[in-house]
Amino acid sequence: MGVEVTRKKDGSLSSKWWYGRFTVDGKSKCLNLGVKVAGTVPRTLKKSGDTAFERSRMRAQLKLEALKKEAVSQKTAEHHLKELYGIHLPASLISH
């Protein structure tokens, strides 16, 4: 799982933004990373694009890593609070 772009059936981009896909608690999440796709997009992400494209891909990858780290850290904090109090609190009470 990683960064991705969305495409139309004809292969052109359907969005100018990078998206990130990751799994938390067995649930797949796909988020707009707020990083614009720049440069010339290769036909497949397995290939390299031009310098501007690769820079935007790297910014998107860094943003995704930060989001994944935040999600894991939030989950860890929730787990420790539940252990501390020995109860099962609704996530809505812990998250905010």
PDB file of N, CA and C in Angstrom:
ATOM      1  N   MET A   1       0.859  -1.164   0.000  1.00  0.00           N
ATOM      2  CA  MET A   1       0.000   0.000   0.000  1.00  0.00           C
ATOM      3  C   MET A   1       0.903   1.224   0.000  1.00  0.00           C
ATOM      4  N   GLY A   2       0.448   2.260  -0.667  1.00  0.00           N
ATOM      5  CA  GLY A   2       1.280   3.440  -0.762  1.00  0.00           C
ATOM      6  C   GLY A   2       0.560   4.576  -1.438  1.00  0.00           C
ATOM      7  N   VAL A   3       1.337   5.403  -2.123  1.00  0.00           N
ATOM      8  CA  VAL A   3       0.752   6.548  -2.805  1.00  0.00           C
ATOM      9  C   VAL A   3       0.206   6.113  -4.158  1.00  0.00           C
ATOM     10  N   GLU A   4      -0.846   6.797  -4.585  1.00  0.00           N
ATOM     11  CA  GLU A   4      -1.464   6.456  -5.857  1.00  0.00           C
ATOM     12  C   GLU A   4      -2.142   7.681  -6.458  1.00  0.00           C
ATOM     13  N   VAL A   5      -2.424   7.587  -7.737  1.00  0.00           N
ATOM     14  CA  VAL A   5      -3.186   8.611  -8.438  1.00  0.00           C
ATOM     15  C   VAL A   5      -4.480   7.963  -8.920  1.00  0.00           C
ATOM     16  N   THR A   6      -5.470   8.773  -9.185  1.00  0.00           N
ATOM     17  CA  THR A   6      -6.727   8.232  -9.711  1.00  0.00           C
ATOM     18  C   THR A   6      -6.786   8.537 -11.201  1.00  0.00           C
ATOM     19  N   ARG A   7      -7.259   7.563 -11.944  1.00  0.00           N
ATOM     20  CA  ARG A   7      -7.299   7.696 -13.407  1.00  0.00           C
ATOM     21  C   ARG A   7      -8.704   7.438 -13.933  1.00  0.00           C
ATOM     22  N   LYS A   8      -8.964   8.057 -15.075  1.00  0.00           N
ATOM     23  CA  LYS A   8     -10.196   7.789 -15.815  1.00  0.00           C
ATOM     24  C   LYS A   8      -9.984   6.516 -16.631  1.00  0.00           C
ATOM     25  N   LYS A   9     -11.042   6.042 -17.255  1.00  0.00           N
ATOM     26  CA  LYS A   9     -10.941   4.826 -18.069  1.00  0.00           C
ATOM     27  C   LYS A   9      -9.952   4.976 -19.215  1.00  0.00           C
ATOM     28  N   ASP A  10      -9.780   6.200 -19.716  1.00  0.00           N
ATOM     29  CA  ASP A  10      -8.848   6.416 -20.826  1.00  0.00           C
ATOM     30  C   ASP A  10      -7.393   6.536 -20.372  1.00  0.00           C
ATOM     31  N   GLY A  11      -7.157   6.452 -19.052  1.00  0.00           N
ATOM     32  CA  GLY A  11      -5.800   6.494 -18.519  1.00  0.00           C
ATOM     33  C   GLY A  11      -5.345   7.866 -18.063  1.00  0.00           C
ATOM     34  N   SER A  12      -6.106   8.901 -18.404  1.00  0.00           N
ATOM     35  CA  SER A  12      -5.737  10.245 -17.949  1.00  0.00           C
ATOM     36  C   SER A  12      -6.103  10.404 -16.470  1.00  0.00           C
ATOM     37  N   LEU A  13      -5.478  11.366 -15.814  1.00  0.00           N
ATOM     38  CA  LEU A  13      -5.744  11.580 -14.392  1.00  0.00           C
ATOM     39  C   LEU A  13      -7.154  12.105 -14.177  1.00  0.00           C
ATOM     40  N   SER A  14      -7.826  11.598 -13.168  1.00  0.00           N
ATOM     41  CA  SER A  14      -9.158  12.101 -12.828  1.00  0.00           C
ATOM     42  C   SER A  14      -9.074  13.106 -11.680  1.00  0.00           C
ATOM     43  N   SER A  15      -7.908  13.197 -11.058  1.00  0.00           N
ATOM     44  CA  SER A  15      -7.680  14.153  -9.976  1.00  0.00           C
ATOM     45  C   SER A  15      -6.240  14.635 -10.059  1.00  0.00           C
ATOM     46  N   LYS A  16      -6.006  15.858  -9.651  1.00  0.00           N
ATOM     47  CA  LYS A  16      -4.650  16.405  -9.672  1.00  0.00           C
ATOM     48  C   LYS A  16      -3.913  16.154  -8.351  1.00  0.00           C
ATOM     49  N   TRP A  17      -4.506  15.364  -7.480  1.00  0.00           N
ATOM     50  CA  TRP A  17      -3.951  15.134  -6.152  1.00  0.00           C
ATOM     51  C   TRP A  17      -3.436  13.707  -5.991  1.00  0.00           C
ATOM     52  N   TRP A  18      -2.424  13.555  -5.131  1.00  0.00           N
ATOM     53  CA  TRP A  18      -1.945  12.234  -4.716  1.00  0.00           C
ATOM     54  C   TRP A  18      -2.854  11.715  -3.613  1.00  0.00           C
ATOM     55  N   TYR A  19      -3.056  10.411  -3.612  1.00  0.00           N
ATOM     56  CA  TYR A  19      -3.822   9.737  -2.563  1.00  0.00           C
ATOM     57  C   TYR A  19      -2.930   8.718  -1.886  1.00  0.00           C
ATOM     58  N   GLY A  20      -3.224   8.460  -0.618  1.00  0.00           N
ATOM     59  CA  GLY A  20      -2.462   7.471   0.129  1.00  0.00           C
ATOM     60  C   GLY A  20      -3.373   6.376   0.633  1.00  0.00           C
ATOM     61  N   ARG A  21      -2.929   5.148   0.506  1.00  0.00           N
ATOM     62  CA  ARG A  21      -3.714   4.001   0.963  1.00  0.00           C
ATOM     63  C   ARG A  21      -2.912   3.265   2.031  1.00  0.00           C
ATOM     64  N   PHE A  22      -3.561   2.993   3.177  1.00  0.00           N
ATOM     65  CA  PHE A  22      -2.921   2.248   4.250  1.00  0.00           C
ATOM     66  C   PHE A  22      -3.985   1.538   5.065  1.00  0.00           C
ATOM     67  N   THR A  23      -3.561   0.634   5.927  1.00  0.00           N
ATOM     68  CA  THR A  23      -4.476  -0.164   6.733  1.00  0.00           C
ATOM     69  C   THR A  23      -4.267   0.132   8.213  1.00  0.00           C
ATOM     70  N   VAL A  24      -5.372   0.345   8.920  1.00  0.00           N
ATOM     71  CA  VAL A  24      -5.353   0.524  10.373  1.00  0.00           C
ATOM     72  C   VAL A  24      -6.428  -0.373  10.947  1.00  0.00           C
ATOM     73  N   ASP A  25      -6.057  -1.223  11.877  1.00  0.00           N
ATOM     74  CA  ASP A  25      -7.000  -2.165  12.497  1.00  0.00           C
ATOM     75  C   ASP A  25      -7.718  -3.022  11.455  1.00  0.00           C
ATOM     76  N   GLY A  26      -7.001  -3.420  10.430  1.00  0.00           N
ATOM     77  CA  GLY A  26      -7.579  -4.264   9.401  1.00  0.00           C
ATOM     78  C   GLY A  26      -8.491  -3.535   8.431  1.00  0.00           C
ATOM     79  N   LYS A  27      -8.624  -2.220   8.588  1.00  0.00           N
ATOM     80  CA  LYS A  27      -9.481  -1.433   7.706  1.00  0.00           C
ATOM     81  C   LYS A  27      -8.617  -0.612   6.768  1.00  0.00           C
ATOM     82  N   SER A  28      -8.912  -0.703   5.482  1.00  0.00           N
ATOM     83  CA  SER A  28      -8.165   0.043   4.477  1.00  0.00           C
ATOM     84  C   SER A  28      -8.659   1.484   4.433  1.00  0.00           C
ATOM     85  N   LYS A  29      -7.732   2.409   4.439  1.00  0.00           N
ATOM     86  CA  LYS A  29      -8.045   3.838   4.376  1.00  0.00           C
ATOM     87  C   LYS A  29      -7.419   4.413   3.112  1.00  0.00           C
ATOM     88  N   CYS A  30      -8.119   5.303   2.457  1.00  0.00           N
ATOM     89  CA  CYS A  30      -7.580   5.993   1.281  1.00  0.00           C
ATOM     90  C   CYS A  30      -7.868   7.477   1.486  1.00  0.00           C
ATOM     91  N   LEU A  31      -6.809   8.282   1.564  1.00  0.00           N
ATOM     92  CA  LEU A  31      -6.953   9.702   1.859  1.00  0.00           C
ATOM     93  C   LEU A  31      -6.282  10.576   0.813  1.00  0.00           C
ATOM     94  N   ASN A  32      -6.890  11.720   0.549  1.00  0.00           N
ATOM     95  CA  ASN A  32      -6.254  12.732  -0.276  1.00  0.00           C
ATOM     96  C   ASN A  32      -5.123  13.308   0.561  1.00  0.00           C
ATOM     97  N   LEU A  33      -3.919  13.270   0.050  1.00  0.00           N
ATOM     98  CA  LEU A  33      -2.747  13.706   0.812  1.00  0.00           C
ATOM     99  C   LEU A  33      -2.513  15.211   0.733  1.00  0.00           C
ATOM    100  N   GLY A  34      -3.273  15.902  -0.097  1.00  0.00           N
ATOM    101  CA  GLY A  34      -3.107  17.343  -0.217  1.00  0.00           C
ATOM    102  C   GLY A  34      -1.830  17.731  -0.952  1.00  0.00           C
ATOM    103  N   VAL A  35      -1.283  16.818  -1.727  1.00  0.00           N
ATOM    104  CA  VAL A  35      -0.072  17.063  -2.514  1.00  0.00           C
ATOM    105  C   VAL A  35      -0.465  16.947  -3.986  1.00  0.00           C
ATOM    106  N   LYS A  36      -0.211  18.023  -4.754  1.00  0.00           N
ATOM    107  CA  LYS A  36      -0.564  18.007  -6.176  1.00  0.00           C
ATOM    108  C   LYS A  36       0.400  17.132  -6.970  1.00  0.00           C
ATOM    109  N   VAL A  37      -0.168  16.406  -7.929  1.00  0.00           N
ATOM    110  CA  VAL A  37       0.641  15.636  -8.873  1.00  0.00           C
ATOM    111  C   VAL A  37       1.268  16.652  -9.819  1.00  0.00           C
ATOM    112  N   ALA A  38       2.582  16.612  -9.958  1.00  0.00           N
ATOM    113  CA  ALA A  38       3.294  17.560 -10.818  1.00  0.00           C
ATOM    114  C   ALA A  38       4.025  16.816 -11.923  1.00  0.00           C
ATOM    115  N   GLY A  39       4.421  17.544 -12.939  1.00  0.00           N
ATOM    116  CA  GLY A  39       5.239  16.970 -14.004  1.00  0.00           C
ATOM    117  C   GLY A  39       4.479  16.036 -14.920  1.00  0.00           C
ATOM    118  N   THR A  40       5.237  15.213 -15.610  1.00  0.00           N
ATOM    119  CA  THR A  40       4.686  14.254 -16.562  1.00  0.00           C
ATOM    120  C   THR A  40       4.489  12.908 -15.884  1.00  0.00           C
ATOM    121  N   VAL A  41       3.243  12.461 -15.866  1.00  0.00           N
ATOM    122  CA  VAL A  41       2.880  11.210 -15.195  1.00  0.00           C
ATOM    123  C   VAL A  41       3.162  10.034 -16.130  1.00  0.00           C
ATOM    124  N   PRO A  42       3.938   9.032 -15.665  1.00  0.00           N
ATOM    125  CA  PRO A  42       4.177   7.848 -16.502  1.00  0.00           C
ATOM    126  C   PRO A  42       2.896   7.018 -16.632  1.00  0.00           C
ATOM    127  N   ARG A  43       2.872   6.124 -17.597  1.00  0.00           N
ATOM    128  CA  ARG A  43       1.682   5.280 -17.818  1.00  0.00           C
ATOM    129  C   ARG A  43       1.361   4.429 -16.596  1.00  0.00           C
ATOM    130  N   THR A  44       2.388   4.024 -15.868  1.00  0.00           N
ATOM    131  CA  THR A  44       2.212   3.223 -14.656  1.00  0.00           C
ATOM    132  C   THR A  44       3.144   3.781 -13.584  1.00  0.00           C
ATOM    133  N   LEU A  45       2.726   3.693 -12.337  1.00  0.00           N
ATOM    134  CA  LEU A  45       3.546   4.214 -11.240  1.00  0.00           C
ATOM    135  C   LEU A  45       4.757   3.336 -10.950  1.00  0.00           C
ATOM    136  N   LYS A  46       4.832   2.191 -11.608  1.00  0.00           N
ATOM    137  CA  LYS A  46       6.017   1.341 -11.456  1.00  0.00           C
ATOM    138  C   LYS A  46       7.208   1.928 -12.209  1.00  0.00           C
ATOM    139  N   LYS A  47       6.915   2.854 -13.123  1.00  0.00           N
ATOM    140  CA  LYS A  47       7.972   3.508 -13.897  1.00  0.00           C
ATOM    141  C   LYS A  47       8.241   4.884 -13.313  1.00  0.00           C
ATOM    142  N   SER A  48       9.407   5.424 -13.630  1.00  0.00           N
ATOM    143  CA  SER A  48       9.777   6.758 -13.166  1.00  0.00           C
ATOM    144  C   SER A  48       9.220   7.813 -14.106  1.00  0.00           C
ATOM    145  N   GLY A  49       8.863   8.949 -13.522  1.00  0.00           N
ATOM    146  CA  GLY A  49       8.427  10.088 -14.310  1.00  0.00           C
ATOM    147  C   GLY A  49       9.555  11.104 -14.390  1.00  0.00           C
ATOM    148  N   ASP A  50       9.236  12.308 -14.829  1.00  0.00           N
ATOM    149  CA  ASP A  50      10.256  13.357 -14.871  1.00  0.00           C
ATOM    150  C   ASP A  50      10.570  13.836 -13.453  1.00  0.00           C
ATOM    151  N   THR A  51      11.511  14.746 -13.328  1.00  0.00           N
ATOM    152  CA  THR A  51      11.971  15.215 -12.018  1.00  0.00           C
ATOM    153  C   THR A  51      10.832  15.817 -11.190  1.00  0.00           C
ATOM    154  N   ALA A  52      10.009  16.651 -11.799  1.00  0.00           N
ATOM    155  CA  ALA A  52       8.898  17.282 -11.070  1.00  0.00           C
ATOM    156  C   ALA A  52       7.926  16.224 -10.549  1.00  0.00           C
ATOM    157  N   PHE A  53       7.646  15.216 -11.370  1.00  0.00           N
ATOM    158  CA  PHE A  53       6.736  14.151 -10.948  1.00  0.00           C
ATOM    159  C   PHE A  53       7.327  13.386  -9.763  1.00  0.00           C
ATOM    160  N   GLU A  54       8.589  13.024  -9.868  1.00  0.00           N
ATOM    161  CA  GLU A  54       9.224  12.253  -8.791  1.00  0.00           C
ATOM    162  C   GLU A  54       9.313  13.061  -7.497  1.00  0.00           C
ATOM    163  N   ARG A  55       9.514  14.354  -7.597  1.00  0.00           N
ATOM    164  CA  ARG A  55       9.510  15.202  -6.386  1.00  0.00           C
ATOM    165  C   ARG A  55       8.133  15.223  -5.738  1.00  0.00           C
ATOM    166  N   SER A  56       7.092  15.333  -6.572  1.00  0.00           N
ATOM    167  CA  SER A  56       5.734  15.339  -6.005  1.00  0.00           C
ATOM    168  C   SER A  56       5.415  13.975  -5.399  1.00  0.00           C
ATOM    169  N   ARG A  57       5.886  12.896  -6.028  1.00  0.00           N
ATOM    170  CA  ARG A  57       5.674  11.555  -5.476  1.00  0.00           C
ATOM    171  C   ARG A  57       6.361  11.429  -4.114  1.00  0.00           C
ATOM    172  N   MET A  58       7.576  11.971  -4.002  1.00  0.00           N
ATOM    173  CA  MET A  58       8.308  11.898  -2.725  1.00  0.00           C
ATOM    174  C   MET A  58       7.593  12.705  -1.641  1.00  0.00           C
ATOM    175  N   ARG A  59       7.097  13.897  -1.981  1.00  0.00           N
ATOM    176  CA  ARG A  59       6.347  14.690  -0.994  1.00  0.00           C
ATOM    177  C   ARG A  59       5.107  13.926  -0.542  1.00  0.00           C
ATOM    178  N   ALA A  60       4.431  13.283  -1.484  1.00  0.00           N
ATOM    179  CA  ALA A  60       3.240  12.498  -1.145  1.00  0.00           C
ATOM    180  C   ALA A  60       3.607  11.320  -0.241  1.00  0.00           C
ATOM    181  N   GLN A  61       4.709  10.641  -0.555  1.00  0.00           N
ATOM    182  CA  GLN A  61       5.146   9.497   0.249  1.00  0.00           C
ATOM    183  C   GLN A  61       5.483   9.934   1.675  1.00  0.00           C
ATOM    184  N   LEU A  62       6.159  11.065   1.817  1.00  0.00           N
ATOM    185  CA  LEU A  62       6.495  11.589   3.149  1.00  0.00           C
ATOM    186  C   LEU A  62       5.239  11.953   3.930  1.00  0.00           C
ATOM    187  N   LYS A  63       4.260  12.538   3.253  1.00  0.00           N
ATOM    188  CA  LYS A  63       2.996  12.895   3.904  1.00  0.00           C
ATOM    189  C   LYS A  63       2.260  11.625   4.349  1.00  0.00           C
ATOM    190  N   LEU A  64       2.257  10.601   3.500  1.00  0.00           N
ATOM    191  CA  LEU A  64       1.614   9.336   3.845  1.00  0.00           C
ATOM    192  C   LEU A  64       2.282   8.698   5.057  1.00  0.00           C
ATOM    193  N   GLU A  65       3.607   8.694   5.092  1.00  0.00           N
ATOM    194  CA  GLU A  65       4.325   8.117   6.241  1.00  0.00           C
ATOM    195  C   GLU A  65       3.962   8.859   7.518  1.00  0.00           C
ATOM    196  N   ALA A  66       3.851  10.180   7.458  1.00  0.00           N
ATOM    197  CA  ALA A  66       3.477  10.969   8.638  1.00  0.00           C
ATOM    198  C   ALA A  66       2.059  10.630   9.086  1.00  0.00           C
ATOM    199  N   LEU A  67       1.138  10.482   8.139  1.00  0.00           N
ATOM    200  CA  LEU A  67      -0.245  10.128   8.482  1.00  0.00           C
ATOM    201  C   LEU A  67      -0.339   8.739   9.094  1.00  0.00           C
ATOM    202  N   LYS A  68       0.426   7.785   8.542  1.00  0.00           N
ATOM    203  CA  LYS A  68       0.426   6.431   9.092  1.00  0.00           C
ATOM    204  C   LYS A  68       0.982   6.426  10.508  1.00  0.00           C
ATOM    205  N   LYS A  69       2.042   7.181  10.725  1.00  0.00           N
ATOM    206  CA  LYS A  69       2.648   7.259  12.058  1.00  0.00           C
ATOM    207  C   LYS A  69       1.660   7.867  13.049  1.00  0.00           C
ATOM    208  N   GLU A  70       0.953   8.903  12.620  1.00  0.00           N
ATOM    209  CA  GLU A  70      -0.045   9.545  13.475  1.00  0.00           C
ATOM    210  C   GLU A  70      -1.182   8.584  13.809  1.00  0.00           C
ATOM    211  N   ALA A  71      -1.643   7.825  12.817  1.00  0.00           N
ATOM    212  CA  ALA A  71      -2.736   6.874  13.034  1.00  0.00           C
ATOM    213  C   ALA A  71      -2.325   5.794  14.021  1.00  0.00           C
ATOM    214  N   VAL A  72      -1.106   5.283  13.876  1.00  0.00           N
ATOM    215  CA  VAL A  72      -0.614   4.243  14.777  1.00  0.00           C
ATOM    216  C   VAL A  72      -0.442   4.809  16.180  1.00  0.00           C
ATOM    217  N   SER A  73       0.093   6.012  16.285  1.00  0.00           N
ATOM    218  CA  SER A  73       0.318   6.614  17.595  1.00  0.00           C
ATOM    219  C   SER A  73      -1.012   6.904  18.297  1.00  0.00           C
ATOM    220  N   GLN A  74      -2.023   7.322  17.537  1.00  0.00           N
ATOM    221  CA  GLN A  74      -3.344   7.575  18.114  1.00  0.00           C
ATOM    222  C   GLN A  74      -3.948   6.259  18.607  1.00  0.00           C
ATOM    223  N   LYS A  75      -3.771   5.191  17.839  1.00  0.00           N
ATOM    224  CA  LYS A  75      -4.278   3.883  18.228  1.00  0.00           C
ATOM    225  C   LYS A  75      -3.563   3.385  19.478  1.00  0.00           C
ATOM    226  N   THR A  76      -2.247   3.603  19.550  1.00  0.00           N
ATOM    227  CA  THR A  76      -1.474   3.187  20.715  1.00  0.00           C
ATOM    228  C   THR A  76      -1.927   3.951  21.954  1.00  0.00           C
ATOM    229  N   ALA A  77      -2.151   5.250  21.820  1.00  0.00           N
ATOM    230  CA  ALA A  77      -2.612   6.061  22.950  1.00  0.00           C
ATOM    231  C   ALA A  77      -3.972   5.576  23.432  1.00  0.00           C
ATOM    232  N   GLU A  78      -4.862   5.262  22.492  1.00  0.00           N
ATOM    233  CA  GLU A  78      -6.185   4.754  22.844  1.00  0.00           C
ATOM    234  C   GLU A  78      -6.059   3.434  23.598  1.00  0.00           C
ATOM    235  N   HIS A  79      -5.184   2.551  23.130  1.00  0.00           N
ATOM    236  CA  HIS A  79      -4.971   1.257  23.773  1.00  0.00           C
ATOM    237  C   HIS A  79      -4.457   1.452  25.207  1.00  0.00           C
ATOM    238  N   HIS A  80      -3.504   2.354  25.398  1.00  0.00           N
ATOM    239  CA  HIS A  80      -2.943   2.584  26.731  1.00  0.00           C
ATOM    240  C   HIS A  80      -3.978   3.187  27.679  1.00  0.00           C
ATOM    241  N   LEU A  81      -4.825   4.067  27.179  1.00  0.00           N
ATOM    242  CA  LEU A  81      -5.881   4.623  28.025  1.00  0.00           C
ATOM    243  C   LEU A  81      -6.853   3.538  28.466  1.00  0.00           C
ATOM    244  N   LYS A  82      -7.205   2.664  27.535  1.00  0.00           N
ATOM    245  CA  LYS A  82      -8.115   1.567  27.887  1.00  0.00           C
ATOM    246  C   LYS A  82      -7.481   0.657  28.928  1.00  0.00           C
ATOM    247  N   GLU A  83      -6.187   0.360  28.770  1.00  0.00           N
ATOM    248  CA  GLU A  83      -5.486  -0.467  29.749  1.00  0.00           C
ATOM    249  C   GLU A  83      -5.432   0.215  31.102  1.00  0.00           C
ATOM    250  N   LEU A  84      -5.141   1.503  31.085  1.00  0.00           N
ATOM    251  CA  LEU A  84      -5.016   2.275  32.324  1.00  0.00           C
ATOM    252  C   LEU A  84      -6.309   2.257  33.124  1.00  0.00           C
ATOM    253  N   TYR A  85      -7.405   2.468  32.448  1.00  0.00           N
ATOM    254  CA  TYR A  85      -8.686   2.519  33.142  1.00  0.00           C
ATOM    255  C   TYR A  85      -9.392   1.175  33.201  1.00  0.00           C
ATOM    256  N   GLY A  86      -8.890   0.204  32.483  1.00  0.00           N
ATOM    257  CA  GLY A  86      -9.474  -1.131  32.508  1.00  0.00           C
ATOM    258  C   GLY A  86     -10.881  -1.192  31.955  1.00  0.00           C
ATOM    259  N   ILE A  87     -11.186  -0.284  31.073  1.00  0.00           N
ATOM    260  CA  ILE A  87     -12.527  -0.246  30.491  1.00  0.00           C
ATOM    261  C   ILE A  87     -12.419  -0.075  28.979  1.00  0.00           C
ATOM    262  N   HIS A  88     -13.546  -0.218  28.333  1.00  0.00           N
ATOM    263  CA  HIS A  88     -13.614  -0.010  26.888  1.00  0.00           C
ATOM    264  C   HIS A  88     -14.383   1.278  26.626  1.00  0.00           C
ATOM    265  N   LEU A  89     -13.647   2.339  26.351  1.00  0.00           N
ATOM    266  CA  LEU A  89     -14.270   3.624  26.058  1.00  0.00           C
ATOM    267  C   LEU A  89     -14.574   3.727  24.571  1.00  0.00           C
ATOM    268  N   PRO A  90     -15.662   4.397  24.223  1.00  0.00           N
ATOM    269  CA  PRO A  90     -15.936   4.628  22.798  1.00  0.00           C
ATOM    270  C   PRO A  90     -14.821   5.489  22.205  1.00  0.00           C
ATOM    271  N   ALA A  91     -14.437   5.199  20.992  1.00  0.00           N
ATOM    272  CA  ALA A  91     -13.350   5.917  20.331  1.00  0.00           C
ATOM    273  C   ALA A  91     -13.657   7.409  20.252  1.00  0.00           C
ATOM    274  N   SER A  92     -14.926   7.785  20.149  1.00  0.00           N
ATOM    275  CA  SER A  92     -15.280   9.203  20.039  1.00  0.00           C
ATOM    276  C   SER A  92     -14.906   9.977  21.299  1.00  0.00           C
ATOM    277  N   LEU A  93     -14.886   9.310  22.447  1.00  0.00           N
ATOM    278  CA  LEU A  93     -14.510   9.990  23.688  1.00  0.00           C
ATOM    279  C   LEU A  93     -12.996  10.134  23.814  1.00  0.00           C
ATOM    280  N   ILE A  94     -12.256   9.227  23.213  1.00  0.00           N
ATOM    281  CA  ILE A  94     -10.804   9.223  23.337  1.00  0.00           C
ATOM    282  C   ILE A  94     -10.158  10.109  22.275  1.00  0.00           C
ATOM    283  N   SER A  95     -10.703  10.111  21.081  1.00  0.00           N
ATOM    284  CA  SER A  95     -10.073  10.793  19.943  1.00  0.00           C
ATOM    285  C   SER A  95      -9.986  12.292  20.115  1.00  0.00           C
ATOM    286  N   HIS A  96     -10.877  12.895  20.852  1.00  0.00           N
ATOM    287  CA  HIS A  96     -10.877  14.362  20.925  1.00  0.00           C
ATOM    288  C   HIS A  96     -10.522  14.827  22.286  1.00  0.00           C
TER     289      HIS A  96
END
